[in-house]
Amino acid sequence: MKTCPNCKSDVEDHFDLCWKCNYSFLEQRVMTTEELTKTTPSRDLQCLRCQTAMEDSGRFKFHEGDRIGFYGSIFELFQNREAFDVYHCKNCGKVEFFLPMKLE
């Protein structure tokens, strides 16, 4: 368990958002309702293997490394974090990663 720095609620380790106040542990700030509900723009993509339409799987956030003991959250400051838009083909299973598109 980790403690939310904003409202002091206990949050499960695998959650990146506080259930009580919407504090984002990744962004290190409270997220507004508009930020949480806006959708990412979609791309119209065809699978390179079977030429069928690819489906949007959402935006996935990745980081390198693990939490290391008691000082895990301190070491996370030095890790690389990236976000990608992921698309998949339901026909053949191909998965593609793209840099996130900005909302306009």
PDB file of N, CA and C in Angstrom:
ATOM      1  N   MET A   1       0.838  -1.186   0.000  1.00  0.00           N
ATOM      2  CA  MET A   1       0.000   0.000   0.000  1.00  0.00           C
ATOM      3  C   MET A   1       0.881   1.247   0.000  1.00  0.00           C
ATOM      4  N   LYS A   2       0.365   2.271  -0.690  1.00  0.00           N
ATOM      5  CA  LYS A   2       1.037   3.565  -0.651  1.00  0.00           C
ATOM      6  C   LYS A   2       0.013   4.596  -0.177  1.00  0.00           C
ATOM      7  N   THR A   3       0.512   5.716   0.287  1.00  0.00           N
ATOM      8  CA  THR A   3      -0.352   6.763   0.818  1.00  0.00           C
ATOM      9  C   THR A   3      -0.395   7.936  -0.146  1.00  0.00           C
ATOM     10  N   CYS A   4      -1.608   8.414  -0.427  1.00  0.00           N
ATOM     11  CA  CYS A   4      -1.787   9.562  -1.305  1.00  0.00           C
ATOM     12  C   CYS A   4      -1.251  10.812  -0.604  1.00  0.00           C
ATOM     13  N   PRO A   5      -0.343  11.560  -1.234  1.00  0.00           N
ATOM     14  CA  PRO A   5       0.200  12.762  -0.603  1.00  0.00           C
ATOM     15  C   PRO A   5      -0.819  13.905  -0.516  1.00  0.00           C
ATOM     16  N   ASN A   6      -1.898  13.817  -1.287  1.00  0.00           N
ATOM     17  CA  ASN A   6      -2.904  14.870  -1.286  1.00  0.00           C
ATOM     18  C   ASN A   6      -3.940  14.687  -0.180  1.00  0.00           C
ATOM     19  N   CYS A   7      -4.553  13.488  -0.090  1.00  0.00           N
ATOM     20  CA  CYS A   7      -5.642  13.272   0.875  1.00  0.00           C
ATOM     21  C   CYS A   7      -5.299  12.255   1.958  1.00  0.00           C
ATOM     22  N   LYS A   8      -4.095  11.667   1.903  1.00  0.00           N
ATOM     23  CA  LYS A   8      -3.600  10.705   2.896  1.00  0.00           C
ATOM     24  C   LYS A   8      -4.361   9.383   2.902  1.00  0.00           C
ATOM     25  N   SER A   9      -5.084   9.056   1.823  1.00  0.00           N
ATOM     26  CA  SER A   9      -5.792   7.773   1.719  1.00  0.00           C
ATOM     27  C   SER A   9      -4.813   6.675   1.353  1.00  0.00           C
ATOM     28  N   ASP A  10      -5.118   5.444   1.756  1.00  0.00           N
ATOM     29  CA  ASP A  10      -4.325   4.290   1.362  1.00  0.00           C
ATOM     30  C   ASP A  10      -4.743   3.857  -0.037  1.00  0.00           C
ATOM     31  N   VAL A  11      -3.747   3.638  -0.901  1.00  0.00           N
ATOM     32  CA  VAL A  11      -3.981   3.259  -2.290  1.00  0.00           C
ATOM     33  C   VAL A  11      -3.162   2.008  -2.575  1.00  0.00           C
ATOM     34  N   GLU A  12      -3.773   1.045  -3.262  1.00  0.00           N
ATOM     35  CA  GLU A  12      -3.060  -0.178  -3.637  1.00  0.00           C
ATOM     36  C   GLU A  12      -1.836   0.174  -4.482  1.00  0.00           C
ATOM     37  N   ASP A  13      -0.767  -0.597  -4.350  1.00  0.00           N
ATOM     38  CA  ASP A  13       0.487  -0.317  -5.053  1.00  0.00           C
ATOM     39  C   ASP A  13       0.343  -0.305  -6.569  1.00  0.00           C
ATOM     40  N   HIS A  14      -0.542  -1.132  -7.118  1.00  0.00           N
ATOM     41  CA  HIS A  14      -0.640  -1.223  -8.580  1.00  0.00           C
ATOM     42  C   HIS A  14      -1.543  -0.155  -9.196  1.00  0.00           C
ATOM     43  N   PHE A  15      -2.160   0.713  -8.392  1.00  0.00           N
ATOM     44  CA  PHE A  15      -2.978   1.804  -8.922  1.00  0.00           C
ATOM     45  C   PHE A  15      -2.139   3.065  -9.071  1.00  0.00           C
ATOM     46  N   ASP A  16      -2.352   3.783 -10.165  1.00  0.00           N
ATOM     47  CA  ASP A  16      -1.635   5.027 -10.423  1.00  0.00           C
ATOM     48  C   ASP A  16      -2.476   6.256 -10.113  1.00  0.00           C
ATOM     49  N   LEU A  17      -3.725   6.039  -9.661  1.00  0.00           N
ATOM     50  CA  LEU A  17      -4.645   7.135  -9.389  1.00  0.00           C
ATOM     51  C   LEU A  17      -5.330   6.894  -8.047  1.00  0.00           C
ATOM     52  N   CYS A  18      -5.386   7.920  -7.208  1.00  0.00           N
ATOM     53  CA  CYS A  18      -6.060   7.807  -5.907  1.00  0.00           C
ATOM     54  C   CYS A  18      -7.567   7.712  -6.133  1.00  0.00           C
ATOM     55  N   TRP A  19      -8.197   6.765  -5.501  1.00  0.00           N
ATOM     56  CA  TRP A  19      -9.625   6.538  -5.675  1.00  0.00           C
ATOM     57  C   TRP A  19     -10.466   7.644  -5.041  1.00  0.00           C
ATOM     58  N   LYS A  20      -9.905   8.376  -4.102  1.00  0.00           N
ATOM     59  CA  LYS A  20     -10.676   9.369  -3.359  1.00  0.00           C
ATOM     60  C   LYS A  20     -10.577  10.781  -3.951  1.00  0.00           C
ATOM     61  N   CYS A  21      -9.386  11.209  -4.325  1.00  0.00           N
ATOM     62  CA  CYS A  21      -9.196  12.604  -4.750  1.00  0.00           C
ATOM     63  C   CYS A  21      -8.672  12.757  -6.181  1.00  0.00           C
ATOM     64  N   ASN A  22      -8.471  11.636  -6.904  1.00  0.00           N
ATOM     65  CA  ASN A  22      -7.964  11.644  -8.284  1.00  0.00           C
ATOM     66  C   ASN A  22      -6.533  12.154  -8.395  1.00  0.00           C
ATOM     67  N   TYR A  23      -5.741  11.962  -7.357  1.00  0.00           N
ATOM     68  CA  TYR A  23      -4.320  12.314  -7.426  1.00  0.00           C
ATOM     69  C   TYR A  23      -3.613  11.277  -8.289  1.00  0.00           C
ATOM     70  N   SER A  24      -2.869  11.738  -9.313  1.00  0.00           N
ATOM     71  CA  SER A  24      -2.128  10.853 -10.194  1.00  0.00           C
ATOM     72  C   SER A  24      -0.700  10.709  -9.671  1.00  0.00           C
ATOM     73  N   PHE A  25      -0.305   9.485  -9.373  1.00  0.00           N
ATOM     74  CA  PHE A  25       1.052   9.232  -8.898  1.00  0.00           C
ATOM     75  C   PHE A  25       2.059   9.386 -10.032  1.00  0.00           C
ATOM     76  N   LEU A  26       1.631   9.196 -11.276  1.00  0.00           N
ATOM     77  CA  LEU A  26       2.528   9.380 -12.420  1.00  0.00           C
ATOM     78  C   LEU A  26       2.740  10.855 -12.731  1.00  0.00           C
ATOM     79  N   GLU A  27       1.656  11.633 -12.711  1.00  0.00           N
ATOM     80  CA  GLU A  27       1.736  13.068 -13.010  1.00  0.00           C
ATOM     81  C   GLU A  27       2.117  13.890 -11.783  1.00  0.00           C
ATOM     82  N   GLN A  28       1.967  13.313 -10.604  1.00  0.00           N
ATOM     83  CA  GLN A  28       2.247  13.945  -9.309  1.00  0.00           C
ATOM     84  C   GLN A  28       1.415  15.207  -9.108  1.00  0.00           C
ATOM     85  N   ARG A  29       0.099  15.080  -9.422  1.00  0.00           N
ATOM     86  CA  ARG A  29      -0.839  16.176  -9.215  1.00  0.00           C
ATOM     87  C   ARG A  29      -2.259  15.618  -9.249  1.00  0.00           C
ATOM     88  N   VAL A  30      -3.221  16.411  -8.782  1.00  0.00           N
ATOM     89  CA  VAL A  30      -4.624  16.023  -8.827  1.00  0.00           C
ATOM     90  C   VAL A  30      -5.140  16.250 -10.243  1.00  0.00           C
ATOM     91  N   MET A  31      -5.788  15.240 -10.804  1.00  0.00           N
ATOM     92  CA  MET A  31      -6.320  15.312 -12.157  1.00  0.00           C
ATOM     93  C   MET A  31      -7.756  15.823 -12.113  1.00  0.00           C
ATOM     94  N   THR A  32      -8.119  16.669 -13.082  1.00  0.00           N
ATOM     95  CA  THR A  32      -9.484  17.174 -13.165  1.00  0.00           C
ATOM     96  C   THR A  32     -10.365  16.136 -13.858  1.00  0.00           C
ATOM     97  N   THR A  33     -11.664  16.283 -13.711  1.00  0.00           N
ATOM     98  CA  THR A  33     -12.605  15.365 -14.348  1.00  0.00           C
ATOM     99  C   THR A  33     -12.463  15.421 -15.862  1.00  0.00           C
ATOM    100  N   GLU A  34     -12.242  16.604 -16.409  1.00  0.00           N
ATOM    101  CA  GLU A  34     -12.078  16.741 -17.851  1.00  0.00           C
ATOM    102  C   GLU A  34     -10.853  15.978 -18.354  1.00  0.00           C
ATOM    103  N   GLU A  35      -9.770  16.031 -17.600  1.00  0.00           N
ATOM    104  CA  GLU A  35      -8.555  15.311 -17.997  1.00  0.00           C
ATOM    105  C   GLU A  35      -8.765  13.801 -17.946  1.00  0.00           C
ATOM    106  N   LEU A  36      -9.547  13.336 -17.001  1.00  0.00           N
ATOM    107  CA  LEU A  36      -9.770  11.901 -16.854  1.00  0.00           C
ATOM    108  C   LEU A  36     -10.746  11.348 -17.874  1.00  0.00           C
ATOM    109  N   THR A  37     -11.641  12.174 -18.397  1.00  0.00           N
ATOM    110  CA  THR A  37     -12.666  11.684 -19.313  1.00  0.00           C
ATOM    111  C   THR A  37     -12.377  11.950 -20.778  1.00  0.00           C
ATOM    112  N   LYS A  38     -11.395  12.800 -21.092  1.00  0.00           N
ATOM    113  CA  LYS A  38     -11.129  13.069 -22.505  1.00  0.00           C
ATOM    114  C   LYS A  38     -10.530  11.827 -23.167  1.00  0.00           C
ATOM    115  N   THR A  39     -10.888  11.626 -24.408  1.00  0.00           N
ATOM    116  CA  THR A  39     -10.407  10.460 -25.134  1.00  0.00           C
ATOM    117  C   THR A  39      -9.237  10.850 -26.020  1.00  0.00           C
ATOM    118  N   THR A  40      -8.444   9.863 -26.341  1.00  0.00           N
ATOM    119  CA  THR A  40      -7.323  10.103 -27.228  1.00  0.00           C
ATOM    120  C   THR A  40      -7.822  10.069 -28.667  1.00  0.00           C
ATOM    121  N   PRO A  41      -7.255  10.874 -29.545  1.00  0.00           N
ATOM    122  CA  PRO A  41      -7.683  10.820 -30.947  1.00  0.00           C
ATOM    123  C   PRO A  41      -7.334   9.465 -31.538  1.00  0.00           C
ATOM    124  N   SER A  42      -8.151   9.006 -32.442  1.00  0.00           N
ATOM    125  CA  SER A  42      -7.959   7.688 -33.031  1.00  0.00           C
ATOM    126  C   SER A  42      -7.371   7.819 -34.431  1.00  0.00           C
ATOM    127  N   ARG A  43      -6.605   6.827 -34.811  1.00  0.00           N
ATOM    128  CA  ARG A  43      -6.034   6.783 -36.155  1.00  0.00           C
ATOM    129  C   ARG A  43      -6.812   5.755 -36.972  1.00  0.00           C
ATOM    130  N   ASP A  44      -6.914   5.979 -38.262  1.00  0.00           N
ATOM    131  CA  ASP A  44      -7.549   5.027 -39.161  1.00  0.00           C
ATOM    132  C   ASP A  44      -6.433   4.200 -39.781  1.00  0.00           C
ATOM    133  N   LEU A  45      -6.177   3.004 -39.222  1.00  0.00           N
ATOM    134  CA  LEU A  45      -5.034   2.190 -39.639  1.00  0.00           C
ATOM    135  C   LEU A  45      -5.480   0.854 -40.203  1.00  0.00           C
ATOM    136  N   GLN A  46      -4.712   0.377 -41.180  1.00  0.00           N
ATOM    137  CA  GLN A  46      -4.914  -0.952 -41.749  1.00  0.00           C
ATOM    138  C   GLN A  46      -3.732  -1.825 -41.325  1.00  0.00           C
ATOM    139  N   CYS A  47      -4.022  -3.077 -41.020  1.00  0.00           N
ATOM    140  CA  CYS A  47      -2.978  -4.023 -40.650  1.00  0.00           C
ATOM    141  C   CYS A  47      -2.045  -4.244 -41.840  1.00  0.00           C
ATOM    142  N   LEU A  48      -0.745  -4.221 -41.594  1.00  0.00           N
ATOM    143  CA  LEU A  48       0.240  -4.412 -42.660  1.00  0.00           C
ATOM    144  C   LEU A  48       0.294  -5.859 -43.144  1.00  0.00           C
ATOM    145  N   ARG A  49      -0.172  -6.793 -42.333  1.00  0.00           N
ATOM    146  CA  ARG A  49      -0.141  -8.209 -42.716  1.00  0.00           C
ATOM    147  C   ARG A  49      -1.379  -8.640 -43.493  1.00  0.00           C
ATOM    148  N   CYS A  50      -2.576  -8.326 -42.931  1.00  0.00           N
ATOM    149  CA  CYS A  50      -3.800  -8.868 -43.529  1.00  0.00           C
ATOM    150  C   CYS A  50      -4.736  -7.792 -44.083  1.00  0.00           C
ATOM    151  N   GLN A  51      -4.339  -6.534 -44.019  1.00  0.00           N
ATOM    152  CA  GLN A  51      -5.089  -5.414 -44.596  1.00  0.00           C
ATOM    153  C   GLN A  51      -6.481  -5.212 -43.991  1.00  0.00           C
ATOM    154  N   THR A  52      -6.701  -5.639 -42.743  1.00  0.00           N
ATOM    155  CA  THR A  52      -7.971  -5.362 -42.066  1.00  0.00           C
ATOM    156  C   THR A  52      -7.782  -4.166 -41.132  1.00  0.00           C
ATOM    157  N   ALA A  53      -8.879  -3.568 -40.724  1.00  0.00           N
ATOM    158  CA  ALA A  53      -8.816  -2.389 -39.857  1.00  0.00           C
ATOM    159  C   ALA A  53      -8.262  -2.761 -38.486  1.00  0.00           C
ATOM    160  N   MET A  54      -7.348  -1.925 -37.979  1.00  0.00           N
ATOM    161  CA  MET A  54      -6.792  -2.145 -36.649  1.00  0.00           C
ATOM    162  C   MET A  54      -7.636  -1.403 -35.623  1.00  0.00           C
ATOM    163  N   GLU A  55      -7.736  -1.969 -34.422  1.00  0.00           N
ATOM    164  CA  GLU A  55      -8.548  -1.379 -33.364  1.00  0.00           C
ATOM    165  C   GLU A  55      -7.663  -0.711 -32.321  1.00  0.00           C
ATOM    166  N   ASP A  56      -8.151   0.373 -31.782  1.00  0.00           N
ATOM    167  CA  ASP A  56      -7.440   1.135 -30.758  1.00  0.00           C
ATOM    168  C   ASP A  56      -7.536   0.389 -29.423  1.00  0.00           C
ATOM    169  N   SER A  57      -6.385   0.067 -28.830  1.00  0.00           N
ATOM    170  CA  SER A  57      -6.357  -0.606 -27.528  1.00  0.00           C
ATOM    171  C   SER A  57      -6.193   0.376 -26.383  1.00  0.00           C
ATOM    172  N   GLY A  58      -5.946   1.645 -26.696  1.00  0.00           N
ATOM    173  CA  GLY A  58      -5.774   2.656 -25.655  1.00  0.00           C
ATOM    174  C   GLY A  58      -4.334   3.087 -25.510  1.00  0.00           C
ATOM    175  N   ARG A  59      -4.110   3.982 -24.560  1.00  0.00           N
ATOM    176  CA  ARG A  59      -2.775   4.502 -24.288  1.00  0.00           C
ATOM    177  C   ARG A  59      -2.190   3.734 -23.104  1.00  0.00           C
ATOM    178  N   PHE A  60      -0.999   3.205 -23.283  1.00  0.00           N
ATOM    179  CA  PHE A  60      -0.331   2.446 -22.241  1.00  0.00           C
ATOM    180  C   PHE A  60       0.915   3.192 -21.799  1.00  0.00           C
ATOM    181  N   LYS A  61       1.141   3.237 -20.490  1.00  0.00           N
ATOM    182  CA  LYS A  61       2.313   3.905 -19.928  1.00  0.00           C
ATOM    183  C   LYS A  61       3.284   2.846 -19.427  1.00  0.00           C
ATOM    184  N   PHE A  62       4.531   2.974 -19.825  1.00  0.00           N
ATOM    185  CA  PHE A  62       5.573   2.026 -19.458  1.00  0.00           C
ATOM    186  C   PHE A  62       6.679   2.755 -18.704  1.00  0.00           C
ATOM    187  N   HIS A  63       7.361   2.039 -17.822  1.00  0.00           N
ATOM    188  CA  HIS A  63       8.554   2.588 -17.190  1.00  0.00           C
ATOM    189  C   HIS A  63       9.578   1.478 -17.039  1.00  0.00           C
ATOM    190  N   GLU A  64      10.835   1.867 -17.048  1.00  0.00           N
ATOM    191  CA  GLU A  64      11.937   0.919 -16.929  1.00  0.00           C
ATOM    192  C   GLU A  64      12.261   0.689 -15.467  1.00  0.00           C
ATOM    193  N   GLY A  65      12.633  -0.527 -15.137  1.00  0.00           N
ATOM    194  CA  GLY A  65      13.106  -0.832 -13.794  1.00  0.00           C
ATOM    195  C   GLY A  65      12.004  -1.263 -12.838  1.00  0.00           C
ATOM    196  N   ASP A  66      12.418  -1.559 -11.611  1.00  0.00           N
ATOM    197  CA  ASP A  66      11.520  -2.017 -10.558  1.00  0.00           C
ATOM    198  C   ASP A  66      11.637  -1.112  -9.353  1.00  0.00           C
ATOM    199  N   ARG A  67      10.674  -1.268  -8.470  1.00  0.00           N
ATOM    200  CA  ARG A  67      10.812  -0.624  -7.164  1.00  0.00           C
ATOM    201  C   ARG A  67      11.875  -1.395  -6.392  1.00  0.00           C
ATOM    202  N   ILE A  68      12.754  -0.675  -5.749  1.00  0.00           N
ATOM    203  CA  ILE A  68      13.859  -1.324  -5.053  1.00  0.00           C
ATOM    204  C   ILE A  68      13.697  -1.092  -3.556  1.00  0.00           C
ATOM    205  N   GLY A  69      13.149  -2.077  -2.867  1.00  0.00           N
ATOM    206  CA  GLY A  69      13.033  -2.034  -1.413  1.00  0.00           C
ATOM    207  C   GLY A  69      12.349  -0.795  -0.872  1.00  0.00           C
ATOM    208  N   PHE A  70      12.831  -0.337   0.255  1.00  0.00           N
ATOM    209  CA  PHE A  70      12.255   0.802   0.971  1.00  0.00           C
ATOM    210  C   PHE A  70      12.371   2.099   0.187  1.00  0.00           C
ATOM    211  N   TYR A  71      13.427   2.245  -0.590  1.00  0.00           N
ATOM    212  CA  TYR A  71      13.692   3.477  -1.328  1.00  0.00           C
ATOM    213  C   TYR A  71      13.159   3.427  -2.761  1.00  0.00           C
ATOM    214  N   GLY A  72      12.209   2.553  -3.053  1.00  0.00           N
ATOM    215  CA  GLY A  72      11.691   2.373  -4.405  1.00  0.00           C
ATOM    216  C   GLY A  72      11.199   3.646  -5.046  1.00  0.00           C
ATOM    217  N   SER A  73      10.414   4.441  -4.339  1.00  0.00           N
ATOM    218  CA  SER A  73       9.847   5.631  -4.957  1.00  0.00           C
ATOM    219  C   SER A  73      10.920   6.680  -5.249  1.00  0.00           C
ATOM    220  N   ILE A  74      12.002   6.696  -4.491  1.00  0.00           N
ATOM    221  CA  ILE A  74      13.110   7.626  -4.768  1.00  0.00           C
ATOM    222  C   ILE A  74      13.825   7.203  -6.049  1.00  0.00           C
ATOM    223  N   PHE A  75      14.066   5.891  -6.218  1.00  0.00           N
ATOM    224  CA  PHE A  75      14.751   5.411  -7.409  1.00  0.00           C
ATOM    225  C   PHE A  75      13.898   5.578  -8.662  1.00  0.00           C
ATOM    226  N   GLU A  76      12.564   5.615  -8.522  1.00  0.00           N
ATOM    227  CA  GLU A  76      11.705   5.799  -9.684  1.00  0.00           C
ATOM    228  C   GLU A  76      11.892   7.172 -10.328  1.00  0.00           C
ATOM    229  N   LEU A  77      12.435   8.134  -9.596  1.00  0.00           N
ATOM    230  CA  LEU A  77      12.681   9.452 -10.161  1.00  0.00           C
ATOM    231  C   LEU A  77      13.717   9.406 -11.280  1.00  0.00           C
ATOM    232  N   PHE A  78      14.577   8.392 -11.257  1.00  0.00           N
ATOM    233  CA  PHE A  78      15.657   8.283 -12.230  1.00  0.00           C
ATOM    234  C   PHE A  78      15.342   7.299 -13.356  1.00  0.00           C
ATOM    235  N   GLN A  79      14.104   6.819 -13.421  1.00  0.00           N
ATOM    236  CA  GLN A  79      13.737   5.854 -14.442  1.00  0.00           C
ATOM    237  C   GLN A  79      13.070   6.543 -15.623  1.00  0.00           C
ATOM    238  N   ASN A  80      13.202   5.933 -16.780  1.00  0.00           N
ATOM    239  CA  ASN A  80      12.606   6.467 -17.998  1.00  0.00           C
ATOM    240  C   ASN A  80      11.145   6.022 -18.091  1.00  0.00           C
ATOM    241  N   ARG A  81      10.233   6.956 -18.386  1.00  0.00           N
ATOM    242  CA  ARG A  81       8.817   6.640 -18.553  1.00  0.00           C
ATOM    243  C   ARG A  81       8.376   7.094 -19.934  1.00  0.00           C
ATOM    244  N   GLU A  82       7.611   6.251 -20.595  1.00  0.00           N
ATOM    245  CA  GLU A  82       7.105   6.547 -21.929  1.00  0.00           C
ATOM    246  C   GLU A  82       5.645   6.139 -22.010  1.00  0.00           C
ATOM    247  N   ALA A  83       4.886   6.802 -22.879  1.00  0.00           N
ATOM    248  CA  ALA A  83       3.496   6.437 -23.140  1.00  0.00           C
ATOM    249  C   ALA A  83       3.344   6.204 -24.637  1.00  0.00           C
ATOM    250  N   PHE A  84       2.573   5.185 -25.008  1.00  0.00           N
ATOM    251  CA  PHE A  84       2.341   4.853 -26.402  1.00  0.00           C
ATOM    252  C   PHE A  84       0.865   4.561 -26.633  1.00  0.00           C
ATOM    253  N   ASP A  85       0.368   4.939 -27.818  1.00  0.00           N
ATOM    254  CA  ASP A  85      -0.954   4.514 -28.255  1.00  0.00           C
ATOM    255  C   ASP A  85      -0.767   3.143 -28.894  1.00  0.00           C
ATOM    256  N   VAL A  86      -1.578   2.172 -28.464  1.00  0.00           N
ATOM    257  CA  VAL A  86      -1.433   0.795 -28.929  1.00  0.00           C
ATOM    258  C   VAL A  86      -2.637   0.418 -29.782  1.00  0.00           C
ATOM    259  N   TYR A  87      -2.371  -0.182 -30.948  1.00  0.00           N
ATOM    260  CA  TYR A  87      -3.410  -0.665 -31.852  1.00  0.00           C
ATOM    261  C   TYR A  87      -3.174  -2.146 -32.103  1.00  0.00           C
ATOM    262  N   HIS A  88      -4.261  -2.908 -32.269  1.00  0.00           N
ATOM    263  CA  HIS A  88      -4.128  -4.333 -32.520  1.00  0.00           C
ATOM    264  C   HIS A  88      -5.069  -4.769 -33.645  1.00  0.00           C
ATOM    265  N   CYS A  89      -4.693  -5.857 -34.308  1.00  0.00           N
ATOM    266  CA  CYS A  89      -5.507  -6.447 -35.364  1.00  0.00           C
ATOM    267  C   CYS A  89      -6.216  -7.663 -34.780  1.00  0.00           C
ATOM    268  N   LYS A  90      -7.546  -7.669 -34.847  1.00  0.00           N
ATOM    269  CA  LYS A  90      -8.303  -8.809 -34.321  1.00  0.00           C
ATOM    270  C   LYS A  90      -8.185 -10.033 -35.222  1.00  0.00           C
ATOM    271  N   ASN A  91      -7.794  -9.828 -36.467  1.00  0.00           N
ATOM    272  CA  ASN A  91      -7.713 -10.932 -37.408  1.00  0.00           C
ATOM    273  C   ASN A  91      -6.430 -11.748 -37.220  1.00  0.00           C
ATOM    274  N   CYS A  92      -5.276 -11.081 -37.206  1.00  0.00           N
ATOM    275  CA  CYS A  92      -4.011 -11.823 -37.136  1.00  0.00           C
ATOM    276  C   CYS A  92      -3.228 -11.612 -35.834  1.00  0.00           C
ATOM    277  N   GLY A  93      -3.655 -10.661 -35.009  1.00  0.00           N
ATOM    278  CA  GLY A  93      -2.993 -10.459 -33.720  1.00  0.00           C
ATOM    279  C   GLY A  93      -1.818  -9.497 -33.732  1.00  0.00           C
ATOM    280  N   LYS A  94      -1.548  -8.858 -34.856  1.00  0.00           N
ATOM    281  CA  LYS A  94      -0.435  -7.903 -34.919  1.00  0.00           C
ATOM    282  C   LYS A  94      -0.714  -6.721 -33.988  1.00  0.00           C
ATOM    283  N   VAL A  95       0.325  -6.262 -33.283  1.00  0.00           N
ATOM    284  CA  VAL A  95       0.225  -5.122 -32.374  1.00  0.00           C
ATOM    285  C   VAL A  95       1.213  -4.058 -32.830  1.00  0.00           C
ATOM    286  N   GLU A  96       0.764  -2.799 -32.833  1.00  0.00           N
ATOM    287  CA  GLU A  96       1.640  -1.690 -33.210  1.00  0.00           C
ATOM    288  C   GLU A  96       1.591  -0.608 -32.149  1.00  0.00           C
ATOM    289  N   PHE A  97       2.752   0.013 -31.896  1.00  0.00           N
ATOM    290  CA  PHE A  97       2.892   1.098 -30.933  1.00  0.00           C
ATOM    291  C   PHE A  97       3.140   2.397 -31.688  1.00  0.00           C
ATOM    292  N   PHE A  98       2.483   3.486 -31.248  1.00  0.00           N
ATOM    293  CA  PHE A  98       2.667   4.793 -31.859  1.00  0.00           C
ATOM    294  C   PHE A  98       2.872   5.828 -30.764  1.00  0.00           C
ATOM    295  N   LEU A  99       3.637   6.873 -31.087  1.00  0.00           N
ATOM    296  CA  LEU A  99       3.749   7.986 -30.154  1.00  0.00           C
ATOM    297  C   LEU A  99       2.381   8.620 -29.993  1.00  0.00           C
ATOM    298  N   PRO A 100       2.048   9.097 -28.792  1.00  0.00           N
ATOM    299  CA  PRO A 100       0.722   9.678 -28.561  1.00  0.00           C
ATOM    300  C   PRO A 100       0.461  10.892 -29.442  1.00  0.00           C
ATOM    301  N   MET A 101      -0.780  10.977 -29.932  1.00  0.00           N
ATOM    302  CA  MET A 101      -1.221  12.138 -30.692  1.00  0.00           C
ATOM    303  C   MET A 101      -1.734  13.173 -29.706  1.00  0.00           C
ATOM    304  N   LYS A 102      -1.509  14.434 -29.998  1.00  0.00           N
ATOM    305  CA  LYS A 102      -1.993  15.500 -29.136  1.00  0.00           C
ATOM    306  C   LYS A 102      -3.439  15.798 -29.446  1.00  0.00           C
ATOM    307  N   LEU A 103      -4.227  16.094 -28.385  1.00  0.00           N
ATOM    308  CA  LEU A 103      -5.608  16.503 -28.573  1.00  0.00           C
ATOM    309  C   LEU A 103      -5.635  17.941 -29.058  1.00  0.00           C
ATOM    310  N   GLU A 104      -6.536  18.247 -29.963  1.00  0.00           N
ATOM    311  CA  GLU A 104      -6.628  19.626 -30.475  1.00  0.00           C
ATOM    312  C   GLU A 104      -7.862  20.301 -29.956  1.00  0.00           C
TER     313      GLU A 104
END
